[in-house]
Amino acid sequence: MADGNPSRVLVTGGAGFIGRHVVRALLDRGHEVTSADRHACTDERASSVVGDLQDPAVIADALRPGTDVVIHRAAVTSVLRSVQDPAGTYKLNVGATAGLLDLARQRGVGTFLLASTNAVTGDVGRTTITEQTPLRPLTPYGATKAAGEMLLAAYSASYGMTAAALRFSNVYGPGMEAKDSFVPRLMRAARDGKGIQIYGDGTQMRDLVHAEDIVDGILTAWKAGHNGPLILGSGESVTVNDIVEAARSVTGAELPAEHVPPKPGEMPAVIVDISAARALGYAPRVDLKAGIATVWPEFSETAR
């Protein structure tokens, strides 16, 4: 990609929320894309391998000889699900990642980009998270992503693979209908004329980043040949109460709020420093209200 030539790219989780955005962006830029997911890729321009990446045969089918880049998105991403099923979370987030990395080594893949998370750092209060913040995850989700990052670092050091752990903040955008994160819950409540539950008093801080900006961040890291962790977010943290107000403004719904006790693993703040990504050319552009306005139509249309 750095020299402008098309590459052969494997995107795991290519049929998922973020994966679909990544696949489309790569295809639009002329790359040859294979999606590996439990569901078929919705973009007919891509090759689609359907199956579970815990199955070595599926990995072998998806990671074909001649693949230049792996963008590894497939994972258990729900914190609550990881707490309920830590062993299952480990099998996909660590076991499948290890299998994919080793086959990538054997087949001479030059670049491996892992979708990670700032949850690897655990609860740092209101301290700004950087790439140098120690890894102290609070949940099986964060722990398995930290383990994936360690594997990535080892393969980079041992085999010369360009390997980046891209730590996403809270990603939102079109295509979230099936998700159960806070923004789609707000959209469903607005559509149905219902209220929303807020964990704690709503003053906890979150960095919400639009899917379009995340795609730009992934491509920027690839083009720059970045090795190691890299934080991708909006760089502007807001409170949960601010997110609710933005949703009220965009949807016109009242969205009455019920405050409930926080769940295990709920962090009081996620404030990230994206200066390392900015130095590579990353420049998030979508603000919160404009971003929510791209999500709302998919939910409001279903009410008609």
Protein backbone atom coordinates (compact mmCIF):
# COMPACT_ATOMS: atom_id res chain seq x y z
CA MET A 1 0.00 0.00 0.00
CA ALA A 2 2.85 2.36 0.79
CA ASP A 3 3.91 2.35 -2.89
CA GLY A 4 0.33 2.65 -4.14
CA ASN A 5 0.12 -0.93 -5.45
CA PRO A 6 -2.91 -3.11 -4.60
CA SER A 7 -2.39 -5.61 -1.78
CA ARG A 8 -4.00 -8.91 -0.86
CA VAL A 9 -5.65 -8.35 2.54
CA LEU A 10 -7.39 -10.70 4.98
CA VAL A 11 -9.95 -9.02 7.25
CA THR A 12 -11.19 -11.24 10.06
CA GLY A 13 -14.58 -10.24 11.40
CA GLY A 14 -15.19 -8.71 7.98
CA ALA A 15 -18.96 -9.14 8.23
CA GLY A 16 -19.16 -7.34 11.58
CA PHE A 17 -19.86 -3.72 12.40
CA ILE A 18 -16.35 -2.30 12.03
CA GLY A 19 -15.21 -5.03 9.66
CA ARG A 20 -17.74 -4.04 7.02
CA HIS A 21 -16.42 -0.48 7.03
CA VAL A 22 -12.83 -1.74 6.71
CA VAL A 23 -13.66 -4.16 3.87
CA ARG A 24 -15.51 -1.49 1.89
CA ALA A 25 -12.69 1.05 2.30
CA LEU A 26 -10.08 -1.46 1.14
CA LEU A 27 -12.11 -2.53 -1.89
CA ASP A 28 -12.78 1.09 -2.83
CA ARG A 29 -9.00 1.59 -2.87
CA GLY A 30 -8.46 -1.33 -5.23
CA HIS A 31 -7.18 -3.97 -2.81
CA GLU A 32 -8.00 -7.68 -3.06
CA VAL A 33 -9.93 -8.55 0.10
CA THR A 34 -10.88 -11.79 1.82
CA SER A 35 -13.33 -11.64 4.73
CA ALA A 36 -13.28 -14.39 7.36
CA ASP A 37 -16.28 -14.39 9.67
CA ARG A 38 -19.03 -16.61 11.03
CA HIS A 39 -21.30 -14.77 8.60
CA ALA A 40 -20.92 -14.10 4.91
CA CYS A 41 -19.47 -10.74 3.89
CA THR A 42 -22.15 -8.38 2.61
CA ASP A 43 -19.90 -6.85 -0.06
CA GLU A 44 -19.91 -9.13 -3.10
CA ARG A 45 -16.60 -7.69 -4.31
CA ALA A 46 -14.78 -9.51 -1.48
CA SER A 47 -14.05 -13.20 -1.15
CA SER A 48 -15.87 -14.62 1.84
CA VAL A 49 -14.78 -17.49 4.09
CA VAL A 50 -17.52 -18.45 6.53
CA GLY A 51 -16.53 -20.31 9.67
CA ASP A 52 -15.08 -20.18 13.18
CA LEU A 53 -11.48 -19.00 13.43
CA GLN A 54 -10.98 -21.41 16.31
CA ASP A 55 -10.94 -24.08 13.57
CA PRO A 56 -7.43 -24.30 12.02
CA ALA A 57 -8.99 -25.38 8.70
CA VAL A 58 -10.92 -22.11 8.53
CA ILE A 59 -7.76 -20.11 9.24
CA ALA A 60 -5.91 -22.04 6.52
CA ASP A 61 -8.70 -21.39 4.01
CA ALA A 62 -8.87 -17.70 4.84
CA LEU A 63 -5.16 -16.88 5.03
CA ARG A 64 -4.20 -17.84 1.51
CA PRO A 65 -0.62 -17.93 0.20
CA GLY A 66 0.34 -14.51 -1.12
CA THR A 67 -1.59 -12.57 1.51
CA ASP A 68 0.25 -9.34 2.28
CA VAL A 69 -1.68 -7.99 5.26
CA VAL A 70 -3.92 -9.37 8.02
CA ILE A 71 -6.35 -7.01 9.75
CA HIS A 72 -7.55 -9.09 12.69
CA ARG A 73 -10.93 -7.87 13.90
CA ALA A 74 -12.67 -11.10 14.94
CA ALA A 75 -13.04 -11.31 18.72
CA VAL A 76 -15.35 -11.43 21.69
CA THR A 77 -15.77 -7.69 22.23
CA SER A 78 -18.38 -7.60 25.02
CA VAL A 79 -16.94 -6.94 28.47
CA LEU A 80 -20.00 -8.45 30.14
CA ARG A 81 -19.86 -11.56 27.96
CA SER A 82 -16.17 -11.99 28.79
CA VAL A 83 -16.97 -11.91 32.51
CA GLN A 84 -19.69 -14.52 32.01
CA ASP A 85 -17.55 -16.77 29.78
CA PRO A 86 -13.84 -16.14 30.37
CA ALA A 87 -12.75 -19.49 28.93
CA GLY A 88 -14.67 -18.97 25.69
CA THR A 89 -13.30 -15.45 25.43
CA TYR A 90 -9.77 -16.77 25.80
CA LYS A 91 -10.25 -19.39 23.08
CA LEU A 92 -11.22 -16.83 20.46
CA ASN A 93 -9.28 -13.75 21.56
CA VAL A 94 -6.02 -15.53 22.37
CA GLY A 95 -6.12 -19.05 20.92
CA ALA A 96 -7.41 -18.07 17.48
CA THR A 97 -5.10 -15.04 17.39
CA ALA A 98 -2.09 -17.27 18.13
CA GLY A 99 -3.09 -19.68 15.35
CA LEU A 100 -3.60 -16.87 12.87
CA LEU A 101 -0.29 -15.24 13.77
CA ASP A 102 1.65 -18.44 13.33
CA LEU A 103 0.15 -19.23 9.95
CA ALA A 104 0.86 -15.63 8.94
CA ARG A 105 4.50 -16.24 9.90
CA GLN A 106 4.64 -19.45 7.89
CA ARG A 107 3.09 -17.83 4.82
CA GLY A 108 5.29 -14.76 4.86
CA VAL A 109 2.65 -12.15 5.72
CA GLY A 110 4.45 -8.83 6.10
CA THR A 111 1.95 -6.85 8.19
CA PHE A 112 -0.43 -7.90 10.97
CA LEU A 113 -2.80 -5.29 12.43
CA LEU A 114 -4.65 -6.35 15.59
CA ALA A 115 -7.79 -4.60 16.79
CA SER A 116 -7.09 -4.05 20.48
CA THR A 117 -8.58 -1.78 23.14
CA ASN A 118 -7.66 0.74 25.80
CA ALA A 119 -9.24 -1.70 28.27
CA VAL A 120 -5.81 -3.38 28.40
CA THR A 121 -4.74 -0.62 30.81
CA GLY A 122 -7.56 -1.16 33.29
CA ASP A 123 -8.80 1.58 35.61
CA VAL A 124 -6.41 4.53 35.62
CA GLY A 125 -8.97 6.92 37.08
CA ARG A 126 -8.95 10.18 35.14
CA THR A 127 -5.32 9.85 34.11
CA THR A 128 -4.75 10.18 30.37
CA ILE A 129 -3.99 6.83 28.73
CA THR A 130 -0.93 6.66 26.46
CA GLU A 131 0.83 3.81 24.69
CA GLN A 132 3.24 3.69 27.67
CA THR A 133 0.52 3.18 30.31
CA PRO A 134 1.14 -0.18 32.06
CA LEU A 135 -1.16 -3.08 31.14
CA ARG A 136 -3.40 -3.87 34.11
CA PRO A 137 -6.69 -5.16 32.67
CA LEU A 138 -9.75 -5.51 34.90
CA THR A 139 -11.74 -8.05 32.89
CA PRO A 140 -11.18 -11.19 30.83
CA TYR A 141 -11.84 -9.08 27.72
CA GLY A 142 -9.04 -6.64 28.56
CA ALA A 143 -6.73 -9.47 29.65
CA THR A 144 -7.17 -11.44 26.43
CA LYS A 145 -6.52 -8.35 24.33
CA ALA A 146 -3.37 -7.67 26.38
CA ALA A 147 -2.29 -11.26 25.74
CA GLY A 148 -2.87 -10.74 22.02
CA GLU A 149 -0.67 -7.65 22.14
CA MET A 150 2.12 -9.64 23.81
CA LEU A 151 1.93 -12.32 21.13
CA LEU A 152 2.08 -9.61 18.47
CA ALA A 153 5.17 -8.04 20.02
CA ALA A 154 6.89 -11.43 20.18
CA TYR A 155 6.22 -12.19 16.51
CA SER A 156 7.44 -8.76 15.50
CA ALA A 157 10.67 -9.15 17.46
CA SER A 158 11.31 -12.79 16.54
CA TYR A 159 10.28 -12.89 12.89
CA GLY A 160 10.47 -9.31 11.62
CA MET A 161 6.74 -9.02 11.01
CA THR A 162 5.35 -5.47 11.07
CA ALA A 163 2.80 -5.82 13.85
CA ALA A 164 0.58 -3.06 15.27
CA ALA A 165 -1.85 -3.34 18.18
CA LEU A 166 -4.46 -0.70 17.42
CA ARG A 167 -6.17 0.29 20.66
CA PHE A 168 -9.64 1.51 19.73
CA SER A 169 -11.72 3.63 22.06
CA ASN A 170 -15.56 3.34 21.90
CA VAL A 171 -16.40 2.95 18.20
CA TYR A 172 -19.81 3.90 16.82
CA GLY A 173 -21.32 4.57 13.40
CA PRO A 174 -23.69 3.13 10.78
CA GLY A 175 -24.27 -0.60 10.94
CA MET A 176 -24.79 -0.90 14.71
CA GLU A 177 -28.34 -2.30 14.61
CA ALA A 178 -27.32 -5.62 16.19
CA LYS A 179 -24.91 -4.19 18.76
CA ASP A 180 -25.69 -3.76 22.46
CA SER A 181 -23.30 -0.93 23.28
CA PHE A 182 -24.50 2.41 24.62
CA VAL A 183 -25.12 4.30 21.37
CA PRO A 184 -27.38 1.65 19.77
CA ARG A 185 -29.22 1.26 23.08
CA LEU A 186 -29.89 5.00 22.96
CA MET A 187 -31.10 4.75 19.36
CA ARG A 188 -33.49 1.90 20.14
CA ALA A 189 -34.87 3.76 23.17
CA ALA A 190 -35.40 6.91 21.07
CA ARG A 191 -37.14 4.92 18.34
CA ASP A 192 -39.41 3.09 20.79
CA GLY A 193 -40.18 6.10 23.01
CA LYS A 194 -38.52 4.50 26.02
CA GLY A 195 -35.99 5.55 28.64
CA ILE A 196 -32.35 4.58 29.03
CA GLN A 197 -30.38 3.09 31.92
CA ILE A 198 -27.19 4.89 32.90
CA TYR A 199 -24.62 3.13 35.05
CA GLY A 200 -23.77 5.35 38.02
CA ASP A 201 -24.33 9.12 37.89
CA GLY A 202 -23.39 9.50 34.20
CA THR A 203 -20.32 11.64 34.84
CA GLN A 204 -17.93 8.90 33.75
CA MET A 205 -15.88 9.97 30.73
CA ARG A 206 -15.78 8.18 27.39
CA ASP A 207 -13.93 8.73 24.12
CA LEU A 208 -16.33 7.96 21.25
CA VAL A 209 -14.77 7.62 17.81
CA HIS A 210 -16.68 7.24 14.55
CA ALA A 211 -16.14 4.12 12.43
CA GLU A 212 -14.99 6.26 9.48
CA ASP A 213 -12.21 7.70 11.62
CA ILE A 214 -11.21 4.23 12.83
CA VAL A 215 -10.89 3.04 9.23
CA ASP A 216 -8.67 6.04 8.49
CA GLY A 217 -6.59 5.16 11.56
CA ILE A 218 -6.14 1.55 10.45
CA LEU A 219 -5.04 2.61 6.98
CA THR A 220 -2.73 5.25 8.42
CA ALA A 221 -1.01 2.72 10.70
CA TRP A 222 -0.59 0.30 7.78
CA LYS A 223 0.79 2.93 5.43
CA ALA A 224 3.24 4.17 8.07
CA GLY A 225 4.48 0.65 8.82
CA HIS A 226 3.78 1.19 12.52
CA ASN A 227 5.03 -1.41 15.00
CA GLY A 228 3.67 -1.79 18.52
CA PRO A 229 0.64 -0.28 20.25
CA LEU A 230 -1.17 2.72 18.80
CA ILE A 231 -4.20 4.47 20.34
CA LEU A 232 -7.00 5.37 17.92
CA GLY A 233 -9.81 7.52 19.30
CA SER A 234 -11.38 10.91 18.83
CA GLY A 235 -9.07 12.50 21.39
CA GLU A 236 -12.06 14.25 22.99
CA SER A 237 -13.68 12.57 25.99
CA VAL A 238 -17.26 13.40 26.97
CA THR A 239 -19.49 12.28 29.83
CA VAL A 240 -22.17 9.64 29.43
CA ASN A 241 -24.68 12.37 30.24
CA ASP A 242 -23.26 14.38 27.31
CA ILE A 243 -23.81 11.41 25.00
CA VAL A 244 -27.44 11.18 26.11
CA GLU A 245 -27.92 14.90 25.47
CA ALA A 246 -26.42 14.56 22.00
CA ALA A 247 -28.82 11.69 21.26
CA ARG A 248 -31.76 13.77 22.47
CA SER A 249 -30.69 16.61 20.20
CA VAL A 250 -30.32 14.39 17.12
CA THR A 251 -33.42 12.21 17.60
CA GLY A 252 -35.81 14.68 19.23
CA ALA A 253 -36.73 12.00 21.79
CA GLU A 254 -37.04 12.70 25.53
CA LEU A 255 -34.94 9.67 26.56
CA PRO A 256 -35.68 9.75 30.30
CA ALA A 257 -32.71 8.37 32.25
CA GLU A 258 -32.72 5.80 35.06
CA HIS A 259 -29.49 5.63 37.05
CA VAL A 260 -28.48 2.10 38.09
CA PRO A 261 -25.41 0.67 39.86
CA PRO A 262 -22.33 0.28 37.62
CA LYS A 263 -21.39 -3.16 36.30
CA PRO A 264 -18.11 -4.94 37.14
CA GLY A 265 -15.27 -3.56 35.05
CA GLU A 266 -16.98 -0.19 34.49
CA MET A 267 -14.24 2.45 34.38
CA PRO A 268 -14.83 5.99 35.69
CA ALA A 269 -13.03 7.52 32.73
CA VAL A 270 -11.44 6.75 29.38
CA ILE A 271 -9.27 9.70 28.38
CA VAL A 272 -6.78 8.89 25.64
CA ASP A 273 -3.79 10.61 24.09
CA ILE A 274 -3.82 10.17 20.30
CA SER A 275 -0.71 12.25 19.63
CA ALA A 276 1.29 9.22 18.43
CA ALA A 277 -1.36 8.45 15.82
CA ARG A 278 -1.60 12.12 14.84
CA ALA A 279 2.15 12.13 14.24
CA LEU A 280 1.60 9.44 11.61
CA GLY A 281 -1.08 11.54 9.87
CA TYR A 282 -4.22 10.33 11.66
CA ALA A 283 -6.82 13.12 11.90
CA PRO A 284 -10.28 12.21 13.26
CA ARG A 285 -12.95 14.43 11.71
CA VAL A 286 -16.42 13.30 12.86
CA ASP A 287 -17.79 15.07 15.96
CA LEU A 288 -20.31 13.44 18.30
CA LYS A 289 -23.57 14.98 17.06
CA ALA A 290 -22.64 14.55 13.40
CA GLY A 291 -21.65 10.97 14.12
CA ILE A 292 -24.88 10.09 15.94
CA ALA A 293 -26.76 11.63 13.02
CA THR A 294 -25.21 8.94 10.79
CA VAL A 295 -26.43 6.19 13.13
CA TRP A 296 -29.99 7.37 13.79
CA PRO A 297 -31.53 6.87 10.29
CA GLU A 298 -31.01 3.09 10.37
CA PHE A 299 -32.98 2.86 13.61
CA SER A 300 -35.65 5.43 12.81
CA GLU A 301 -36.37 3.76 9.44
CA THR A 302 -37.33 0.52 11.21
CA ALA A 303 -40.11 2.35 13.04
CA ARG A 304 -41.90 3.20 9.80
